Amino acid sequence: MAEKLAKKQIHEQFVDALEGSVRSHSNLSDEPLNIQLKPPLPPKLRVYAYHVTTPPGSGLNGEHIARLITPNQTQGERSSFDHSGGHFVLLLGYAPQSEVFILWDAGLHRDFAYSKPVKVDSGPVFEAIAGNIGKQERSLRSGTEIVVTANKSNLSDAIKMRSDLTTERLTS
């Protein structure tokens, strides 16, 4: 099992993967990370980044899981992501063992409990490892979520897809 990465390390991997698309960003230690991107990507992102694990015993076909905790959230508290200031909120997972980025639909994860799990099956992760953008539909209480997976080389395309999918959900 890979050692858990600190938020700053995940932010470094994320910004590095976006190389020429970044106009500016807040301090990589900031949580969440605010980042300005060049078109055709969303101009203002607020990134909530999480380390993704595969629980022991789940094998190759196991789910990949991140646990949601917002800054200053304590056990027993409920929380939501900050969508203010015209930012597109990106709920990002990073699986260091496979170097795959996972993009959940942040708008479907509201008022959540401390350490709420978000998941994706191994199939979309393997798609990303193979150099494709993976997708998985998941049914949540708050709606149908399409999870997007990508590797470093196609992360920009995956962010654009995540933005388009979120816009489509909000306008339909």
C-alpha atoms as a PDB file:
ATOM      1  CA  MET A   1       0.000   0.000   0.000  1.00  0.00           C
ATOM      2  CA  ALA A   2       1.316   3.441  -0.930  1.00  0.00           C
ATOM      3  CA  GLU A   3       2.106   5.897   1.839  1.00  0.00           C
ATOM      4  CA  LYS A   4      -0.608   8.509   2.323  1.00  0.00           C
ATOM      5  CA  LEU A   5       0.204  11.735   0.530  1.00  0.00           C
ATOM      6  CA  ALA A   6      -0.197  15.113   2.178  1.00  0.00           C
ATOM      7  CA  LYS A   7      -2.560  17.625   0.506  1.00  0.00           C
ATOM      8  CA  LYS A   8       0.454  19.662  -0.632  1.00  0.00           C
ATOM      9  CA  GLN A   9       1.898  16.612  -2.441  1.00  0.00           C
ATOM     10  CA  ILE A  10      -1.426  15.931  -4.184  1.00  0.00           C
ATOM     11  CA  HIS A  11      -1.640  19.610  -5.165  1.00  0.00           C
ATOM     12  CA  GLU A  12       1.903  19.404  -6.581  1.00  0.00           C
ATOM     13  CA  GLN A  13       0.963  16.360  -8.685  1.00  0.00           C
ATOM     14  CA  PHE A  14      -2.190  18.139  -9.900  1.00  0.00           C
ATOM     15  CA  VAL A  15      -0.494  21.424 -10.863  1.00  0.00           C
ATOM     16  CA  ASP A  16       2.399  19.538 -12.483  1.00  0.00           C
ATOM     17  CA  ALA A  17      -0.042  17.498 -14.589  1.00  0.00           C
ATOM     18  CA  LEU A  18      -1.700  20.708 -15.835  1.00  0.00           C
ATOM     19  CA  GLU A  19       1.638  22.314 -16.765  1.00  0.00           C
ATOM     20  CA  GLY A  20       0.847  24.904 -19.504  1.00  0.00           C
ATOM     21  CA  SER A  21      -2.814  25.392 -18.507  1.00  0.00           C
ATOM     22  CA  VAL A  22      -2.169  27.133 -15.174  1.00  0.00           C
ATOM     23  CA  ARG A  23      -2.306  30.935 -14.957  1.00  0.00           C
ATOM     24  CA  SER A  24      -1.788  31.081 -11.186  1.00  0.00           C
ATOM     25  CA  HIS A  25      -2.608  29.248  -7.974  1.00  0.00           C
ATOM     26  CA  SER A  26      -2.734  29.785  -4.244  1.00  0.00           C
ATOM     27  CA  ASN A  27      -0.036  28.344  -1.990  1.00  0.00           C
ATOM     28  CA  LEU A  28       0.198  24.587  -2.591  1.00  0.00           C
ATOM     29  CA  SER A  29      -0.249  24.064   1.156  1.00  0.00           C
ATOM     30  CA  ASP A  30      -3.638  25.838   1.085  1.00  0.00           C
ATOM     31  CA  GLU A  31      -6.727  23.724   1.558  1.00  0.00           C
ATOM     32  CA  PRO A  32      -8.643  24.002  -0.672  1.00  0.00           C
ATOM     33  CA  LEU A  33      -6.324  24.978  -3.530  1.00  0.00           C
ATOM     34  CA  ASN A  34      -7.565  27.891  -5.649  1.00  0.00           C
ATOM     35  CA  ILE A  35      -6.259  27.852  -9.194  1.00  0.00           C
ATOM     36  CA  GLN A  36      -6.759  29.985 -12.302  1.00  0.00           C
ATOM     37  CA  LEU A  37      -6.634  28.101 -15.612  1.00  0.00           C
ATOM     38  CA  LYS A  38      -6.438  29.015 -19.286  1.00  0.00           C
ATOM     39  CA  PRO A  39      -9.310  28.283 -21.707  1.00  0.00           C
ATOM     40  CA  PRO A  40     -10.899  25.930 -22.572  1.00  0.00           C
ATOM     41  CA  LEU A  41     -10.691  24.860 -18.908  1.00  0.00           C
ATOM     42  CA  PRO A  42     -12.872  26.498 -16.232  1.00  0.00           C
ATOM     43  CA  PRO A  43     -11.169  29.818 -15.415  1.00  0.00           C
ATOM     44  CA  LYS A  44     -11.402  29.480 -11.608  1.00  0.00           C
ATOM     45  CA  LEU A  45     -11.134  26.149  -9.804  1.00  0.00           C
ATOM     46  CA  ARG A  46     -11.408  25.439  -6.105  1.00  0.00           C
ATOM     47  CA  VAL A  47      -9.801  22.030  -5.618  1.00  0.00           C
ATOM     48  CA  TYR A  48     -10.631  19.794  -2.674  1.00  0.00           C
ATOM     49  CA  ALA A  49      -8.015  17.055  -2.988  1.00  0.00           C
ATOM     50  CA  TYR A  50      -8.009  13.658  -1.281  1.00  0.00           C
ATOM     51  CA  HIS A  51      -5.697  10.665  -1.102  1.00  0.00           C
ATOM     52  CA  VAL A  52      -7.364   7.600  -2.623  1.00  0.00           C
ATOM     53  CA  THR A  53      -6.881   4.108  -1.228  1.00  0.00           C
ATOM     54  CA  THR A  54      -7.934   0.589  -2.097  1.00  0.00           C
ATOM     55  CA  PRO A  55      -8.970  -1.070   1.169  1.00  0.00           C
ATOM     56  CA  PRO A  56      -7.003  -4.192   2.160  1.00  0.00           C
ATOM     57  CA  GLY A  57      -8.573  -7.405   0.957  1.00  0.00           C
ATOM     58  CA  SER A  58     -10.474  -5.749  -1.878  1.00  0.00           C
ATOM     59  CA  GLY A  59      -8.102  -7.182  -4.494  1.00  0.00           C
ATOM     60  CA  LEU A  60      -7.589  -5.914  -8.038  1.00  0.00           C
ATOM     61  CA  ASN A  61     -11.298  -5.329  -8.607  1.00  0.00           C
ATOM     62  CA  GLY A  62     -11.815  -3.418  -5.386  1.00  0.00           C
ATOM     63  CA  GLU A  63     -13.232   0.044  -5.062  1.00  0.00           C
ATOM     64  CA  HIS A  64     -10.980   3.051  -4.777  1.00  0.00           C
ATOM     65  CA  ILE A  65     -12.084   5.259  -1.893  1.00  0.00           C
ATOM     66  CA  ALA A  66     -11.431   8.783  -0.635  1.00  0.00           C
ATOM     67  CA  ARG A  67     -12.801  10.077   2.662  1.00  0.00           C
ATOM     68  CA  LEU A  68     -14.243  13.596   2.644  1.00  0.00           C
ATOM     69  CA  ILE A  69     -13.182  15.946   5.417  1.00  0.00           C
ATOM     70  CA  THR A  70     -13.197  19.690   4.779  1.00  0.00           C
ATOM     71  CA  PRO A  71     -10.751  22.099   6.425  1.00  0.00           C
ATOM     72  CA  ASN A  72     -11.662  22.661  10.093  1.00  0.00           C
ATOM     73  CA  GLN A  73     -14.398  19.977  10.008  1.00  0.00           C
ATOM     74  CA  THR A  74     -14.399  17.874  13.172  1.00  0.00           C
ATOM     75  CA  GLN A  75     -15.894  14.504  13.966  1.00  0.00           C
ATOM     76  CA  GLY A  76     -19.644  14.722  14.372  1.00  0.00           C
ATOM     77  CA  GLU A  77     -19.903  17.856  12.206  1.00  0.00           C
ATOM     78  CA  ARG A  78     -21.488  18.009   8.780  1.00  0.00           C
ATOM     79  CA  SER A  79     -19.899  20.068   6.028  1.00  0.00           C
ATOM     80  CA  SER A  80     -20.198  21.205   2.415  1.00  0.00           C
ATOM     81  CA  PHE A  81     -17.740  22.486  -0.168  1.00  0.00           C
ATOM     82  CA  ASP A  82     -17.358  26.241  -0.680  1.00  0.00           C
ATOM     83  CA  HIS A  83     -18.772  27.129  -4.113  1.00  0.00           C
ATOM     84  CA  SER A  84     -18.476  30.920  -3.618  1.00  0.00           C
ATOM     85  CA  GLY A  85     -16.652  33.472  -5.734  1.00  0.00           C
ATOM     86  CA  GLY A  86     -17.458  32.012  -9.124  1.00  0.00           C
ATOM     87  CA  HIS A  87     -15.222  28.987  -8.604  1.00  0.00           C
ATOM     88  CA  PHE A  88     -15.913  25.612 -10.176  1.00  0.00           C
ATOM     89  CA  VAL A  89     -15.414  23.178  -7.296  1.00  0.00           C
ATOM     90  CA  LEU A  90     -13.379  20.135  -8.219  1.00  0.00           C
ATOM     91  CA  LEU A  91     -13.651  17.131  -5.905  1.00  0.00           C
ATOM     92  CA  LEU A  92     -10.371  15.433  -6.727  1.00  0.00           C
ATOM     93  CA  GLY A  93      -8.923  12.131  -5.640  1.00  0.00           C
ATOM     94  CA  TYR A  94      -5.391  11.009  -6.360  1.00  0.00           C
ATOM     95  CA  ALA A  95      -4.359   7.357  -6.258  1.00  0.00           C
ATOM     96  CA  PRO A  96      -0.552   7.493  -5.948  1.00  0.00           C
ATOM     97  CA  GLN A  97      -0.087   3.756  -6.480  1.00  0.00           C
ATOM     98  CA  SER A  98      -1.516   4.072 -10.015  1.00  0.00           C
ATOM     99  CA  GLU A  99      -0.926   7.827 -10.557  1.00  0.00           C
ATOM    100  CA  VAL A 100      -4.597   8.281 -11.434  1.00  0.00           C
ATOM    101  CA  PHE A 101      -6.744  11.336 -10.771  1.00  0.00           C
ATOM    102  CA  ILE A 102     -10.423  10.770  -9.903  1.00  0.00           C
ATOM    103  CA  LEU A 103     -12.980  13.547 -10.364  1.00  0.00           C
ATOM    104  CA  TRP A 104     -16.284  13.215  -8.522  1.00  0.00           C
ATOM    105  CA  ASP A 105     -19.224  15.618  -8.928  1.00  0.00           C
ATOM    106  CA  ALA A 106     -18.747  18.012  -5.994  1.00  0.00           C
ATOM    107  CA  GLY A 107     -22.269  19.413  -6.377  1.00  0.00           C
ATOM    108  CA  LEU A 108     -23.786  16.043  -5.457  1.00  0.00           C
ATOM    109  CA  HIS A 109     -21.841  15.872  -2.200  1.00  0.00           C
ATOM    110  CA  ARG A 110     -23.481  18.399   0.133  1.00  0.00           C
ATOM    111  CA  ASP A 111     -24.030  18.476   3.863  1.00  0.00           C
ATOM    112  CA  PHE A 112     -21.896  15.378   4.390  1.00  0.00           C
ATOM    113  CA  ALA A 113     -20.710  13.662   7.526  1.00  0.00           C
ATOM    114  CA  TYR A 114     -17.094  13.727   8.644  1.00  0.00           C
ATOM    115  CA  SER A 115     -15.045  11.168   6.677  1.00  0.00           C
ATOM    116  CA  LYS A 116     -17.847  10.365   4.216  1.00  0.00           C
ATOM    117  CA  PRO A 117     -16.531   7.884   1.623  1.00  0.00           C
ATOM    118  CA  VAL A 118     -16.632   8.600  -2.113  1.00  0.00           C
ATOM    119  CA  LYS A 119     -15.880   5.684  -4.400  1.00  0.00           C
ATOM    120  CA  VAL A 120     -15.039   4.524  -7.896  1.00  0.00           C
ATOM    121  CA  ASP A 121     -14.664   0.967  -9.169  1.00  0.00           C
ATOM    122  CA  SER A 122     -11.361  -0.346 -10.488  1.00  0.00           C
ATOM    123  CA  GLY A 123     -12.499  -0.448 -14.142  1.00  0.00           C
ATOM    124  CA  PRO A 124     -12.389   3.328 -14.705  1.00  0.00           C
ATOM    125  CA  VAL A 125      -9.064   3.476 -12.844  1.00  0.00           C
ATOM    126  CA  PHE A 126      -7.615   0.829 -15.184  1.00  0.00           C
ATOM    127  CA  GLU A 127      -8.953   2.854 -18.141  1.00  0.00           C
ATOM    128  CA  ALA A 128      -6.981   5.859 -16.879  1.00  0.00           C
ATOM    129  CA  ILE A 129      -3.842   3.780 -16.344  1.00  0.00           C
ATOM    130  CA  ALA A 130      -4.180   2.641 -19.975  1.00  0.00           C
ATOM    131  CA  GLY A 131      -4.195   6.277 -21.125  1.00  0.00           C
ATOM    132  CA  ASN A 132      -7.926   6.752 -21.612  1.00  0.00           C
ATOM    133  CA  ILE A 133     -10.465   8.778 -19.686  1.00  0.00           C
ATOM    134  CA  GLY A 134     -12.548   6.406 -17.592  1.00  0.00           C
ATOM    135  CA  LYS A 135     -16.139   7.010 -16.519  1.00  0.00           C
ATOM    136  CA  GLN A 136     -18.495   5.363 -14.070  1.00  0.00           C
ATOM    137  CA  GLU A 137     -22.118   6.159 -13.280  1.00  0.00           C
ATOM    138  CA  ARG A 138     -23.041   5.920  -9.591  1.00  0.00           C
ATOM    139  CA  SER A 139     -26.468   6.324  -8.018  1.00  0.00           C
ATOM    140  CA  LEU A 140     -26.435   8.592  -4.973  1.00  0.00           C
ATOM    141  CA  ARG A 141     -29.262   9.890  -2.812  1.00  0.00           C
ATOM    142  CA  SER A 142     -28.578  13.339  -4.251  1.00  0.00           C
ATOM    143  CA  GLY A 143     -28.669  12.194  -7.906  1.00  0.00           C
ATOM    144  CA  THR A 144     -26.759  10.250 -10.521  1.00  0.00           C
ATOM    145  CA  GLU A 145     -23.049  10.949 -10.456  1.00  0.00           C
ATOM    146  CA  ILE A 146     -20.649  10.330 -13.310  1.00  0.00           C
ATOM    147  CA  VAL A 147     -17.156   9.814 -11.911  1.00  0.00           C
ATOM    148  CA  VAL A 148     -14.294  10.636 -14.297  1.00  0.00           C
ATOM    149  CA  THR A 149     -10.765   9.177 -14.105  1.00  0.00           C
ATOM    150  CA  ALA A 150      -7.596  10.309 -15.862  1.00  0.00           C
ATOM    151  CA  ASN A 151      -3.854  10.025 -15.863  1.00  0.00           C
ATOM    152  CA  LYS A 152      -1.438  12.949 -15.957  1.00  0.00           C
ATOM    153  CA  SER A 153      -1.459  13.228 -19.752  1.00  0.00           C
ATOM    154  CA  ASN A 154      -5.233  13.614 -20.109  1.00  0.00           C
ATOM    155  CA  LEU A 155      -6.127  15.406 -16.872  1.00  0.00           C
ATOM    156  CA  SER A 156      -6.999  18.650 -18.724  1.00  0.00           C
ATOM    157  CA  ASP A 157      -9.484  16.781 -20.922  1.00  0.00           C
ATOM    158  CA  ALA A 158     -10.966  15.081 -17.849  1.00  0.00           C
ATOM    159  CA  ILE A 159     -11.447  18.432 -16.069  1.00  0.00           C
ATOM    160  CA  LYS A 160     -13.198  19.806 -19.147  1.00  0.00           C
ATOM    161  CA  MET A 161     -15.397  16.681 -19.230  1.00  0.00           C
ATOM    162  CA  ARG A 162     -16.159  16.994 -15.485  1.00  0.00           C
ATOM    163  CA  SER A 163     -17.130  20.645 -15.990  1.00  0.00           C
ATOM    164  CA  ASP A 164     -19.334  19.789 -18.981  1.00  0.00           C
ATOM    165  CA  LEU A 165     -21.022  16.905 -17.112  1.00  0.00           C
ATOM    166  CA  THR A 166     -21.725  19.153 -14.128  1.00  0.00           C
ATOM    167  CA  THR A 167     -23.144  21.891 -16.373  1.00  0.00           C
ATOM    168  CA  GLU A 168     -25.311  19.308 -18.135  1.00  0.00           C
ATOM    169  CA  ARG A 169     -26.622  18.002 -14.795  1.00  0.00           C
ATOM    170  CA  LEU A 170     -27.419  21.513 -13.589  1.00  0.00           C
ATOM    171  CA  THR A 171     -29.226  22.552 -16.781  1.00  0.00           C
ATOM    172  CA  SER A 172     -31.290  19.429 -17.417  1.00  0.00           C
END
